[in-house]
Amino acid sequence: MSACQLPQEFSDLEPFVADWALPTRAQRYEARLSKPYDELVAFYDAMAPRAEEAIAYLNGLNIDDLPDEATTLLHLLYSMILVSYAVNVFKQNRIPDSGAAFFEMVAEPAV
C-alpha cells in the first residue's frame, strides 16, 4: 500500500484507515463491537466534521469508477455511519437489550 491511502485533502484521516476503511458491513460491525468505546468516539469525532466535505468530494466522482483513494474514503464514511448509532444513540458499542439478535446482510452496495 502507498503511504497516502486517502485523497490529499483528507490526509488528516489517515490514522483511521487501517481500523475503519473496511470493505464490508460485517467487518465494520465487527470493528464497532471489538474496539473500546473511546476509540469509536475518537473516530466519530474526527470523521463527523469532515463528512459533508467527503460526501461532496465523492459526489464529484463516478461511483462506478472510483479511484482507490476515494473508495477508501467511502469506506470510512460507511464506518462513521455505523459508529454514529453507537456514539449518538446507544452510548455503547452494542445495541442495548438486543440479546443475540443479528441481521445477516446478503448483499453489499456496489462500489
PDB file of N, CA and C in Angstrom:
ATOM      1  N   MET A   1       0.825  -1.179   0.000  1.00  0.00           N
ATOM      2  CA  MET A   1       0.000   0.000   0.000  1.00  0.00           C
ATOM      3  C   MET A   1       0.875   1.249   0.000  1.00  0.00           C
ATOM      4  N   SER A   2       0.339   2.301  -0.597  1.00  0.00           N
ATOM      5  CA  SER A   2       1.074   3.554  -0.616  1.00  0.00           C
ATOM      6  C   SER A   2       0.964   4.236   0.739  1.00  0.00           C
ATOM      7  N   ALA A   3       1.829   5.206   0.962  1.00  0.00           N
ATOM      8  CA  ALA A   3       1.834   5.922   2.233  1.00  0.00           C
ATOM      9  C   ALA A   3       0.546   6.719   2.415  1.00  0.00           C
ATOM     10  N   CYS A   4       0.007   7.272   1.335  1.00  0.00           N
ATOM     11  CA  CYS A   4      -1.226   8.058   1.402  1.00  0.00           C
ATOM     12  C   CYS A   4      -2.354   7.248   0.776  1.00  0.00           C
ATOM     13  N   GLN A   5      -3.292   6.834   1.603  1.00  0.00           N
ATOM     14  CA  GLN A   5      -4.375   5.985   1.121  1.00  0.00           C
ATOM     15  C   GLN A   5      -5.670   6.743   0.893  1.00  0.00           C
ATOM     16  N   LEU A   6      -5.665   8.045   1.187  1.00  0.00           N
ATOM     17  CA  LEU A   6      -6.838   8.888   1.014  1.00  0.00           C
ATOM     18  C   LEU A   6      -6.505  10.034   0.067  1.00  0.00           C
ATOM     19  N   PRO A   7      -7.537  10.671  -0.506  1.00  0.00           N
ATOM     20  CA  PRO A   7      -7.260  11.881  -1.280  1.00  0.00           C
ATOM     21  C   PRO A   7      -6.522  12.891  -0.398  1.00  0.00           C
ATOM     22  N   GLN A   8      -5.638  13.666  -0.988  1.00  0.00           N
ATOM     23  CA  GLN A   8      -4.771  14.583  -0.243  1.00  0.00           C
ATOM     24  C   GLN A   8      -5.538  15.461   0.739  1.00  0.00           C
ATOM     25  N   GLU A   9      -6.704  15.965   0.349  1.00  0.00           N
ATOM     26  CA  GLU A   9      -7.442  16.882   1.222  1.00  0.00           C
ATOM     27  C   GLU A   9      -8.026  16.207   2.456  1.00  0.00           C
ATOM     28  N   PHE A  10      -7.938  14.873   2.522  1.00  0.00           N
ATOM     29  CA  PHE A  10      -8.428  14.131   3.684  1.00  0.00           C
ATOM     30  C   PHE A  10      -7.301  13.373   4.387  1.00  0.00           C
ATOM     31  N   SER A  11      -6.070  13.793   4.167  1.00  0.00           N
ATOM     32  CA  SER A  11      -4.915  13.090   4.731  1.00  0.00           C
ATOM     33  C   SER A  11      -4.917  13.080   6.262  1.00  0.00           C
ATOM     34  N   ASP A  12      -5.601  14.040   6.885  1.00  0.00           N
ATOM     35  CA  ASP A  12      -5.668  14.054   8.347  1.00  0.00           C
ATOM     36  C   ASP A  12      -6.434  12.845   8.905  1.00  0.00           C
ATOM     37  N   LEU A  13      -7.174  12.153   8.050  1.00  0.00           N
ATOM     38  CA  LEU A  13      -7.946  10.978   8.481  1.00  0.00           C
ATOM     39  C   LEU A  13      -7.171   9.671   8.296  1.00  0.00           C
ATOM     40  N   GLU A  14      -5.954   9.758   7.778  1.00  0.00           N
ATOM     41  CA  GLU A  14      -5.126   8.563   7.545  1.00  0.00           C
ATOM     42  C   GLU A  14      -4.983   7.658   8.772  1.00  0.00           C
ATOM     43  N   PRO A  15      -4.860   8.196   9.992  1.00  0.00           N
ATOM     44  CA  PRO A  15      -4.696   7.308  11.143  1.00  0.00           C
ATOM     45  C   PRO A  15      -5.862   6.326  11.345  1.00  0.00           C
ATOM     46  N   PHE A  16      -7.002   6.587  10.728  1.00  0.00           N
ATOM     47  CA  PHE A  16      -8.174   5.732  10.916  1.00  0.00           C
ATOM     48  C   PHE A  16      -8.352   4.695   9.816  1.00  0.00           C
ATOM     49  N   VAL A  17      -7.566   4.787   8.771  1.00  0.00           N
ATOM     50  CA  VAL A  17      -7.746   3.907   7.613  1.00  0.00           C
ATOM     51  C   VAL A  17      -7.596   2.432   7.974  1.00  0.00           C
ATOM     52  N   ALA A  18      -6.541   2.073   8.661  1.00  0.00           N
ATOM     53  CA  ALA A  18      -6.283   0.660   8.948  1.00  0.00           C
ATOM     54  C   ALA A  18      -7.419   0.007   9.729  1.00  0.00           C
ATOM     55  N   ASP A  19      -7.987   0.738  10.672  1.00  0.00           N
ATOM     56  CA  ASP A  19      -9.022   0.161  11.523  1.00  0.00           C
ATOM     57  C   ASP A  19     -10.439   0.313  10.983  1.00  0.00           C
ATOM     58  N   TRP A  20     -10.687   1.337  10.162  1.00  0.00           N
ATOM     59  CA  TRP A  20     -12.066   1.659   9.815  1.00  0.00           C
ATOM     60  C   TRP A  20     -12.401   1.658   8.332  1.00  0.00           C
ATOM     61  N   ALA A  21     -11.441   1.643   7.435  1.00  0.00           N
ATOM     62  CA  ALA A  21     -11.741   1.622   5.996  1.00  0.00           C
ATOM     63  C   ALA A  21     -11.955   0.177   5.556  1.00  0.00           C
ATOM     64  N   LEU A  22     -13.030  -0.392   6.031  1.00  0.00           N
ATOM     65  CA  LEU A  22     -13.318  -1.816   5.827  1.00  0.00           C
ATOM     66  C   LEU A  22     -14.355  -1.988   4.720  1.00  0.00           C
ATOM     67  N   PRO A  23     -14.161  -2.982   3.854  1.00  0.00           N
ATOM     68  CA  PRO A  23     -14.995  -3.092   2.660  1.00  0.00           C
ATOM     69  C   PRO A  23     -16.403  -3.661   2.873  1.00  0.00           C
ATOM     70  N   THR A  24     -16.668  -4.344   3.969  1.00  0.00           N
ATOM     71  CA  THR A  24     -18.000  -4.927   4.137  1.00  0.00           C
ATOM     72  C   THR A  24     -18.662  -4.443   5.424  1.00  0.00           C
ATOM     73  N   ARG A  25     -19.978  -4.471   5.426  1.00  0.00           N
ATOM     74  CA  ARG A  25     -20.738  -4.077   6.600  1.00  0.00           C
ATOM     75  C   ARG A  25     -20.433  -5.006   7.765  1.00  0.00           C
ATOM     76  N   ALA A  26     -20.287  -6.290   7.513  1.00  0.00           N
ATOM     77  CA  ALA A  26     -19.968  -7.249   8.576  1.00  0.00           C
ATOM     78  C   ALA A  26     -18.635  -6.903   9.241  1.00  0.00           C
ATOM     79  N   GLN A  27     -17.629  -6.539   8.451  1.00  0.00           N
ATOM     80  CA  GLN A  27     -16.331  -6.154   9.007  1.00  0.00           C
ATOM     81  C   GLN A  27     -16.445  -4.869   9.816  1.00  0.00           C
ATOM     82  N   ARG A  28     -17.226  -3.923   9.316  1.00  0.00           N
ATOM     83  CA  ARG A  28     -17.403  -2.658  10.030  1.00  0.00           C
ATOM     84  C   ARG A  28     -18.120  -2.884  11.362  1.00  0.00           C
ATOM     85  N   TYR A  29     -19.146  -3.732  11.353  1.00  0.00           N
ATOM     86  CA  TYR A  29     -19.893  -4.007  12.577  1.00  0.00           C
ATOM     87  C   TYR A  29     -19.003  -4.744  13.587  1.00  0.00           C
ATOM     88  N   GLU A  30     -18.214  -5.683  13.108  1.00  0.00           N
ATOM     89  CA  GLU A  30     -17.287  -6.406  13.989  1.00  0.00           C
ATOM     90  C   GLU A  30     -16.285  -5.435  14.615  1.00  0.00           C
ATOM     91  N   ALA A  31     -15.798  -4.470  13.823  1.00  0.00           N
ATOM     92  CA  ALA A  31     -14.873  -3.466  14.362  1.00  0.00           C
ATOM     93  C   ALA A  31     -15.569  -2.647  15.438  1.00  0.00           C
ATOM     94  N   ARG A  32     -16.810  -2.265  15.197  1.00  0.00           N
ATOM     95  CA  ARG A  32     -17.556  -1.493  16.194  1.00  0.00           C
ATOM     96  C   ARG A  32     -17.686  -2.271  17.498  1.00  0.00           C
ATOM     97  N   LEU A  33     -17.961  -3.547  17.407  1.00  0.00           N
ATOM     98  CA  LEU A  33     -18.139  -4.364  18.606  1.00  0.00           C
ATOM     99  C   LEU A  33     -16.831  -4.659  19.319  1.00  0.00           C
ATOM    100  N   SER A  34     -15.743  -4.760  18.582  1.00  0.00           N
ATOM    101  CA  SER A  34     -14.488  -5.223  19.176  1.00  0.00           C
ATOM    102  C   SER A  34     -13.600  -4.108  19.730  1.00  0.00           C
ATOM    103  N   LYS A  35     -13.828  -2.890  19.306  1.00  0.00           N
ATOM    104  CA  LYS A  35     -12.961  -1.789  19.747  1.00  0.00           C
ATOM    105  C   LYS A  35     -13.508  -1.160  21.028  1.00  0.00           C
ATOM    106  N   PRO A  36     -12.623  -0.607  21.850  1.00  0.00           N
ATOM    107  CA  PRO A  36     -13.090   0.121  23.039  1.00  0.00           C
ATOM    108  C   PRO A  36     -13.975   1.300  22.617  1.00  0.00           C
ATOM    109  N   TYR A  37     -14.984   1.578  23.408  1.00  0.00           N
ATOM    110  CA  TYR A  37     -15.929   2.643  23.093  1.00  0.00           C
ATOM    111  C   TYR A  37     -15.217   3.981  22.854  1.00  0.00           C
ATOM    112  N   ASP A  38     -14.174   4.266  23.623  1.00  0.00           N
ATOM    113  CA  ASP A  38     -13.431   5.520  23.455  1.00  0.00           C
ATOM    114  C   ASP A  38     -12.850   5.657  22.043  1.00  0.00           C
ATOM    115  N   GLU A  39     -12.456   4.537  21.435  1.00  0.00           N
ATOM    116  CA  GLU A  39     -11.932   4.569  20.067  1.00  0.00           C
ATOM    117  C   GLU A  39     -13.042   4.884  19.071  1.00  0.00           C
ATOM    118  N   LEU A  40     -14.245   4.397  19.317  1.00  0.00           N
ATOM    119  CA  LEU A  40     -15.376   4.726  18.463  1.00  0.00           C
ATOM    120  C   LEU A  40     -15.647   6.225  18.502  1.00  0.00           C
ATOM    121  N   VAL A  41     -15.629   6.774  19.713  1.00  0.00           N
ATOM    122  CA  VAL A  41     -15.874   8.204  19.879  1.00  0.00           C
ATOM    123  C   VAL A  41     -14.790   9.020  19.178  1.00  0.00           C
ATOM    124  N   ALA A  42     -13.546   8.630  19.323  1.00  0.00           N
ATOM    125  CA  ALA A  42     -12.440   9.355  18.677  1.00  0.00           C
ATOM    126  C   ALA A  42     -12.580   9.317  17.153  1.00  0.00           C
ATOM    127  N   PHE A  43     -12.905   8.150  16.621  1.00  0.00           N
ATOM    128  CA  PHE A  43     -13.110   8.020  15.175  1.00  0.00           C
ATOM    129  C   PHE A  43     -14.281   8.892  14.719  1.00  0.00           C
ATOM    130  N   TYR A  44     -15.396   8.793  15.404  1.00  0.00           N
ATOM    131  CA  TYR A  44     -16.576   9.579  15.041  1.00  0.00           C
ATOM    132  C   TYR A  44     -16.282  11.080  15.115  1.00  0.00           C
ATOM    133  N   ASP A  45     -15.622  11.504  16.186  1.00  0.00           N
ATOM    134  CA  ASP A  45     -15.313  12.926  16.359  1.00  0.00           C
ATOM    135  C   ASP A  45     -14.378  13.457  15.272  1.00  0.00           C
ATOM    136  N   ALA A  46     -13.535  12.610  14.729  1.00  0.00           N
ATOM    137  CA  ALA A  46     -12.644  13.024  13.638  1.00  0.00           C
ATOM    138  C   ALA A  46     -13.382  13.043  12.299  1.00  0.00           C
ATOM    139  N   MET A  47     -14.261  12.087  12.083  1.00  0.00           N
ATOM    140  CA  MET A  47     -14.948  11.947  10.792  1.00  0.00           C
ATOM    141  C   MET A  47     -16.137  12.887  10.637  1.00  0.00           C
ATOM    142  N   ALA A  48     -16.938  13.038  11.659  1.00  0.00           N
ATOM    143  CA  ALA A  48     -18.206  13.768  11.534  1.00  0.00           C
ATOM    144  C   ALA A  48     -18.036  15.186  10.973  1.00  0.00           C
ATOM    145  N   PRO A  49     -17.066  15.959  11.454  1.00  0.00           N
ATOM    146  CA  PRO A  49     -16.923  17.315  10.904  1.00  0.00           C
ATOM    147  C   PRO A  49     -16.494  17.335   9.434  1.00  0.00           C
ATOM    148  N   ARG A  50     -15.941  16.236   8.956  1.00  0.00           N
ATOM    149  CA  ARG A  50     -15.443  16.157   7.572  1.00  0.00           C
ATOM    150  C   ARG A  50     -16.423  15.448   6.642  1.00  0.00           C
ATOM    151  N   ALA A  51     -17.524  14.920   7.191  1.00  0.00           N
ATOM    152  CA  ALA A  51     -18.433  14.068   6.414  1.00  0.00           C
ATOM    153  C   ALA A  51     -19.038  14.800   5.214  1.00  0.00           C
ATOM    154  N   GLU A  52     -19.559  15.988   5.421  1.00  0.00           N
ATOM    155  CA  GLU A  52     -20.181  16.709   4.302  1.00  0.00           C
ATOM    156  C   GLU A  52     -19.174  17.007   3.205  1.00  0.00           C
ATOM    157  N   GLU A  53     -17.975  17.393   3.604  1.00  0.00           N
ATOM    158  CA  GLU A  53     -16.913  17.653   2.628  1.00  0.00           C
ATOM    159  C   GLU A  53     -16.548  16.372   1.868  1.00  0.00           C
ATOM    160  N   ALA A  54     -16.482  15.255   2.589  1.00  0.00           N
ATOM    161  CA  ALA A  54     -16.160  13.973   1.949  1.00  0.00           C
ATOM    162  C   ALA A  54     -17.263  13.555   0.981  1.00  0.00           C
ATOM    163  N   ILE A  55     -18.498  13.746   1.381  1.00  0.00           N
ATOM    164  CA  ILE A  55     -19.626  13.401   0.509  1.00  0.00           C
ATOM    165  C   ILE A  55     -19.603  14.268  -0.750  1.00  0.00           C
ATOM    166  N   ALA A  56     -19.364  15.557  -0.581  1.00  0.00           N
ATOM    167  CA  ALA A  56     -19.283  16.455  -1.737  1.00  0.00           C
ATOM    168  C   ALA A  56     -18.155  16.030  -2.673  1.00  0.00           C
ATOM    169  N   TYR A  57     -17.009  15.658  -2.096  1.00  0.00           N
ATOM    170  CA  TYR A  57     -15.881  15.187  -2.904  1.00  0.00           C
ATOM    171  C   TYR A  57     -16.282  13.950  -3.706  1.00  0.00           C
ATOM    172  N   LEU A  58     -16.892  12.986  -3.029  1.00  0.00           N
ATOM    173  CA  LEU A  58     -17.280  11.744  -3.701  1.00  0.00           C
ATOM    174  C   LEU A  58     -18.378  11.964  -4.728  1.00  0.00           C
ATOM    175  N   ASN A  59     -19.281  12.899  -4.467  1.00  0.00           N
ATOM    176  CA  ASN A  59     -20.349  13.201  -5.428  1.00  0.00           C
ATOM    177  C   ASN A  59     -19.796  13.739  -6.742  1.00  0.00           C
ATOM    178  N   GLY A  60     -18.597  14.277  -6.710  1.00  0.00           N
ATOM    179  CA  GLY A  60     -17.964  14.785  -7.927  1.00  0.00           C
ATOM    180  C   GLY A  60     -17.301  13.710  -8.764  1.00  0.00           C
ATOM    181  N   LEU A  61     -17.352  12.464  -8.295  1.00  0.00           N
ATOM    182  CA  LEU A  61     -16.703  11.354  -8.997  1.00  0.00           C
ATOM    183  C   LEU A  61     -17.745  10.372  -9.513  1.00  0.00           C
ATOM    184  N   ASN A  62     -17.343   9.556 -10.466  1.00  0.00           N
ATOM    185  CA  ASN A  62     -18.200   8.488 -10.979  1.00  0.00           C
ATOM    186  C   ASN A  62     -18.114   7.308 -10.025  1.00  0.00           C
ATOM    187  N   ILE A  63     -19.226   6.979  -9.380  1.00  0.00           N
ATOM    188  CA  ILE A  63     -19.222   5.898  -8.379  1.00  0.00           C
ATOM    189  C   ILE A  63     -18.833   4.550  -8.975  1.00  0.00           C
ATOM    190  N   ASP A  64     -19.034   4.399 -10.275  1.00  0.00           N
ATOM    191  CA  ASP A  64     -18.687   3.133 -10.923  1.00  0.00           C
ATOM    192  C   ASP A  64     -17.204   3.043 -11.281  1.00  0.00           C
ATOM    193  N   ASP A  65     -16.474   4.119 -11.069  1.00  0.00           N
ATOM    194  CA  ASP A  65     -15.053   4.131 -11.431  1.00  0.00           C
ATOM    195  C   ASP A  65     -14.257   4.963 -10.420  1.00  0.00           C
ATOM    196  N   LEU A  66     -14.453   4.682  -9.127  1.00  0.00           N
ATOM    197  CA  LEU A  66     -13.757   5.434  -8.082  1.00  0.00           C
ATOM    198  C   LEU A  66     -12.288   5.048  -8.018  1.00  0.00           C
ATOM    199  N   PRO A  67     -11.412   6.029  -7.875  1.00  0.00           N
ATOM    200  CA  PRO A  67     -10.011   5.703  -7.600  1.00  0.00           C
ATOM    201  C   PRO A  67      -9.912   5.017  -6.231  1.00  0.00           C
ATOM    202  N   ASP A  68      -8.845   4.284  -5.999  1.00  0.00           N
ATOM    203  CA  ASP A  68      -8.672   3.571  -4.735  1.00  0.00           C
ATOM    204  C   ASP A  68      -8.768   4.492  -3.527  1.00  0.00           C
ATOM    205  N   GLU A  69      -8.180   5.679  -3.631  1.00  0.00           N
ATOM    206  CA  GLU A  69      -8.202   6.618  -2.509  1.00  0.00           C
ATOM    207  C   GLU A  69      -9.629   7.054  -2.178  1.00  0.00           C
ATOM    208  N   ALA A  70     -10.453   7.237  -3.197  1.00  0.00           N
ATOM    209  CA  ALA A  70     -11.849   7.634  -2.984  1.00  0.00           C
ATOM    210  C   ALA A  70     -12.652   6.477  -2.388  1.00  0.00           C
ATOM    211  N   THR A  71     -12.367   5.267  -2.819  1.00  0.00           N
ATOM    212  CA  THR A  71     -13.049   4.102  -2.249  1.00  0.00           C
ATOM    213  C   THR A  71     -12.713   3.972  -0.768  1.00  0.00           C
ATOM    214  N   THR A  72     -11.474   4.223  -0.405  1.00  0.00           N
ATOM    215  CA  THR A  72     -11.073   4.194   1.000  1.00  0.00           C
ATOM    216  C   THR A  72     -11.847   5.245   1.792  1.00  0.00           C
ATOM    217  N   LEU A  73     -11.985   6.434   1.247  1.00  0.00           N
ATOM    218  CA  LEU A  73     -12.762   7.490   1.896  1.00  0.00           C
ATOM    219  C   LEU A  73     -14.222   7.081   2.050  1.00  0.00           C
ATOM    220  N   LEU A  74     -14.784   6.459   1.035  1.00  0.00           N
ATOM    221  CA  LEU A  74     -16.163   5.976   1.099  1.00  0.00           C
ATOM    222  C   LEU A  74     -16.320   4.943   2.207  1.00  0.00           C
ATOM    223  N   HIS A  75     -15.370   4.041   2.331  1.00  0.00           N
ATOM    224  CA  HIS A  75     -15.424   3.035   3.400  1.00  0.00           C
ATOM    225  C   HIS A  75     -15.351   3.691   4.784  1.00  0.00           C
ATOM    226  N   LEU A  76     -14.549   4.736   4.913  1.00  0.00           N
ATOM    227  CA  LEU A  76     -14.514   5.467   6.184  1.00  0.00           C
ATOM    228  C   LEU A  76     -15.871   6.089   6.493  1.00  0.00           C
ATOM    229  N   LEU A  77     -16.526   6.635   5.481  1.00  0.00           N
ATOM    230  CA  LEU A  77     -17.865   7.202   5.692  1.00  0.00           C
ATOM    231  C   LEU A  77     -18.861   6.127   6.111  1.00  0.00           C
ATOM    232  N   TYR A  78     -18.805   4.974   5.471  1.00  0.00           N
ATOM    233  CA  TYR A  78     -19.697   3.872   5.858  1.00  0.00           C
ATOM    234  C   TYR A  78     -19.469   3.499   7.327  1.00  0.00           C
ATOM    235  N   SER A  79     -18.206   3.442   7.736  1.00  0.00           N
ATOM    236  CA  SER A  79     -17.900   3.114   9.137  1.00  0.00           C
ATOM    237  C   SER A  79     -18.388   4.201  10.075  1.00  0.00           C
ATOM    238  N   MET A  80     -18.240   5.454   9.674  1.00  0.00           N
ATOM    239  CA  MET A  80     -18.713   6.546  10.518  1.00  0.00           C
ATOM    240  C   MET A  80     -20.220   6.441  10.741  1.00  0.00           C
ATOM    241  N   ILE A  81     -20.954   6.099   9.701  1.00  0.00           N
ATOM    242  CA  ILE A  81     -22.407   5.950   9.827  1.00  0.00           C
ATOM    243  C   ILE A  81     -22.725   4.840  10.813  1.00  0.00           C
ATOM    244  N   LEU A  82     -22.057   3.709  10.689  1.00  0.00           N
ATOM    245  CA  LEU A  82     -22.305   2.584  11.594  1.00  0.00           C
ATOM    246  C   LEU A  82     -21.937   2.936  13.035  1.00  0.00           C
ATOM    247  N   VAL A  83     -20.858   3.644  13.213  1.00  0.00           N
ATOM    248  CA  VAL A  83     -20.404   4.038  14.547  1.00  0.00           C
ATOM    249  C   VAL A  83     -21.294   5.137  15.134  1.00  0.00           C
ATOM    250  N   SER A  84     -21.903   5.943  14.278  1.00  0.00           N
ATOM    251  CA  SER A  84     -22.709   7.060  14.773  1.00  0.00           C
ATOM    252  C   SER A  84     -23.843   6.602  15.682  1.00  0.00           C
ATOM    253  N   TYR A  85     -24.429   5.462  15.393  1.00  0.00           N
ATOM    254  CA  TYR A  85     -25.500   4.946  16.259  1.00  0.00           C
ATOM    255  C   TYR A  85     -24.966   4.614  17.644  1.00  0.00           C
ATOM    256  N   ALA A  86     -23.812   3.985  17.673  1.00  0.00           N
ATOM    257  CA  ALA A  86     -23.212   3.622  18.961  1.00  0.00           C
ATOM    258  C   ALA A  86     -22.870   4.870  19.776  1.00  0.00           C
ATOM    259  N   VAL A  87     -22.352   5.886  19.108  1.00  0.00           N
ATOM    260  CA  VAL A  87     -21.901   7.094  19.802  1.00  0.00           C
ATOM    261  C   VAL A  87     -23.066   8.014  20.170  1.00  0.00           C
ATOM    262  N   ASN A  88     -23.967   8.254  19.235  1.00  0.00           N
ATOM    263  CA  ASN A  88     -25.019   9.247  19.439  1.00  0.00           C
ATOM    264  C   ASN A  88     -26.309   8.705  20.047  1.00  0.00           C
ATOM    265  N   VAL A  89     -26.587   7.435  19.859  1.00  0.00           N
ATOM    266  CA  VAL A  89     -27.858   6.884  20.323  1.00  0.00           C
ATOM    267  C   VAL A  89     -27.665   5.956  21.512  1.00  0.00           C
ATOM    268  N   PHE A  90     -26.850   4.920  21.333  1.00  0.00           N
ATOM    269  CA  PHE A  90     -26.729   3.876  22.353  1.00  0.00           C
ATOM    270  C   PHE A  90     -25.724   4.199  23.444  1.00  0.00           C
ATOM    271  N   LYS A  91     -24.747   5.066  23.141  1.00  0.00           N
ATOM    272  CA  LYS A  91     -23.679   5.413  24.085  1.00  0.00           C
ATOM    273  C   LYS A  91     -22.880   4.178  24.522  1.00  0.00           C
ATOM    274  N   GLN A  92     -22.833   3.201  23.662  1.00  0.00           N
ATOM    275  CA  GLN A  92     -22.073   1.967  23.874  1.00  0.00           C
ATOM    276  C   GLN A  92     -21.969   1.232  22.537  1.00  0.00           C
ATOM    277  N   ASN A  93     -21.086   0.268  22.460  1.00  0.00           N
ATOM    278  CA  ASN A  93     -20.834  -0.435  21.205  1.00  0.00           C
ATOM    279  C   ASN A  93     -22.027  -1.253  20.729  1.00  0.00           C
ATOM    280  N   ARG A  94     -22.660  -1.940  21.657  1.00  0.00           N
ATOM    281  CA  ARG A  94     -23.758  -2.848  21.315  1.00  0.00           C
ATOM    282  C   ARG A  94     -25.112  -2.167  21.419  1.00  0.00           C
ATOM    283  N   ILE A  95     -26.088  -2.723  20.735  1.00  0.00           N
ATOM    284  CA  ILE A  95     -27.459  -2.246  20.837  1.00  0.00           C
ATOM    285  C   ILE A  95     -28.018  -2.771  22.153  1.00  0.00           C
ATOM    286  N   PRO A  96     -28.467  -1.888  23.028  1.00  0.00           N
ATOM    287  CA  PRO A  96     -28.973  -2.345  24.334  1.00  0.00           C
ATOM    288  C   PRO A  96     -30.184  -3.262  24.188  1.00  0.00           C
ATOM    289  N   ASP A  97     -30.258  -4.243  25.074  1.00  0.00           N
ATOM    290  CA  ASP A  97     -31.406  -5.146  25.157  1.00  0.00           C
ATOM    291  C   ASP A  97     -31.698  -5.892  23.858  1.00  0.00           C
ATOM    292  N   SER A  98     -30.674  -6.165  23.079  1.00  0.00           N
ATOM    293  CA  SER A  98     -30.893  -6.859  21.806  1.00  0.00           C
ATOM    294  C   SER A  98     -30.544  -8.333  21.869  1.00  0.00           C
ATOM    295  N   GLY A  99     -29.991  -8.781  22.982  1.00  0.00           N
ATOM    296  CA  GLY A  99     -29.636 -10.194  23.097  1.00  0.00           C
ATOM    297  C   GLY A  99     -28.662 -10.595  22.017  1.00  0.00           C
ATOM    298  N   ALA A 100     -28.906 -11.750  21.442  1.00  0.00           N
ATOM    299  CA  ALA A 100     -28.021 -12.278  20.405  1.00  0.00           C
ATOM    300  C   ALA A 100     -28.549 -11.992  19.011  1.00  0.00           C
ATOM    301  N   ALA A 101     -29.539 -11.120  18.893  1.00  0.00           N
ATOM    302  CA  ALA A 101     -30.121 -10.824  17.584  1.00  0.00           C
ATOM    303  C   ALA A 101     -29.083 -10.218  16.653  1.00  0.00           C
ATOM    304  N   PHE A 102     -29.080 -10.680  15.432  1.00  0.00           N
ATOM    305  CA  PHE A 102     -28.177 -10.150  14.419  1.00  0.00           C
ATOM    306  C   PHE A 102     -28.801 -10.353  13.065  1.00  0.00           C
ATOM    307  N   PHE A 103     -28.782  -9.328  12.246  1.00  0.00           N
ATOM    308  CA  PHE A 103     -29.323  -9.399  10.891  1.00  0.00           C
ATOM    309  C   PHE A 103     -28.169  -9.630   9.934  1.00  0.00           C
ATOM    310  N   GLU A 104     -28.233 -10.700   9.177  1.00  0.00           N
ATOM    311  CA  GLU A 104     -27.185 -11.025   8.221  1.00  0.00           C
ATOM    312  C   GLU A 104     -27.527 -10.414   6.863  1.00  0.00           C
ATOM    313  N   MET A 105     -26.758  -9.416   6.438  1.00  0.00           N
ATOM    314  CA  MET A 105     -26.988  -8.779   5.148  1.00  0.00           C
ATOM    315  C   MET A 105     -26.486  -9.705   4.054  1.00  0.00           C
ATOM    316  N   VAL A 106     -27.251  -9.851   3.002  1.00  0.00           N
ATOM    317  CA  VAL A 106     -26.873 -10.759   1.946  1.00  0.00           C
ATOM    318  C   VAL A 106     -26.231 -10.068   0.735  1.00  0.00           C
ATOM    319  N   ALA A 107     -26.227  -8.733   0.724  1.00  0.00           N
ATOM    320  CA  ALA A 107     -25.616  -8.009  -0.381  1.00  0.00           C
ATOM    321  C   ALA A 107     -24.976  -6.730   0.127  1.00  0.00           C
ATOM    322  N   GLU A 108     -23.922  -6.314  -0.501  1.00  0.00           N
ATOM    323  CA  GLU A 108     -23.236  -5.073  -0.187  1.00  0.00           C
ATOM    324  C   GLU A 108     -23.501  -4.085  -1.300  1.00  0.00           C
ATOM    325  N   PRO A 109     -23.419  -2.788  -0.999  1.00  0.00           N
ATOM    326  CA  PRO A 109     -23.556  -1.794  -2.068  1.00  0.00           C
ATOM    327  C   PRO A 109     -22.471  -1.992  -3.119  1.00  0.00           C
ATOM    328  N   ALA A 110     -22.826  -1.801  -4.349  1.00  0.00           N
ATOM    329  CA  ALA A 110     -21.837  -1.944  -5.437  1.00  0.00           C
ATOM    330  C   ALA A 110     -20.951  -0.724  -5.469  1.00  0.00           C
ATOM    331  N   VAL A 111     -19.658  -0.941  -5.331  1.00  0.00           N
ATOM    332  CA  VAL A 111     -18.687   0.160  -5.403  1.00  0.00           C
ATOM    333  C   VAL A 111     -17.514  -0.311  -6.229  1.00  0.00           C
TER     334      VAL A 111
END
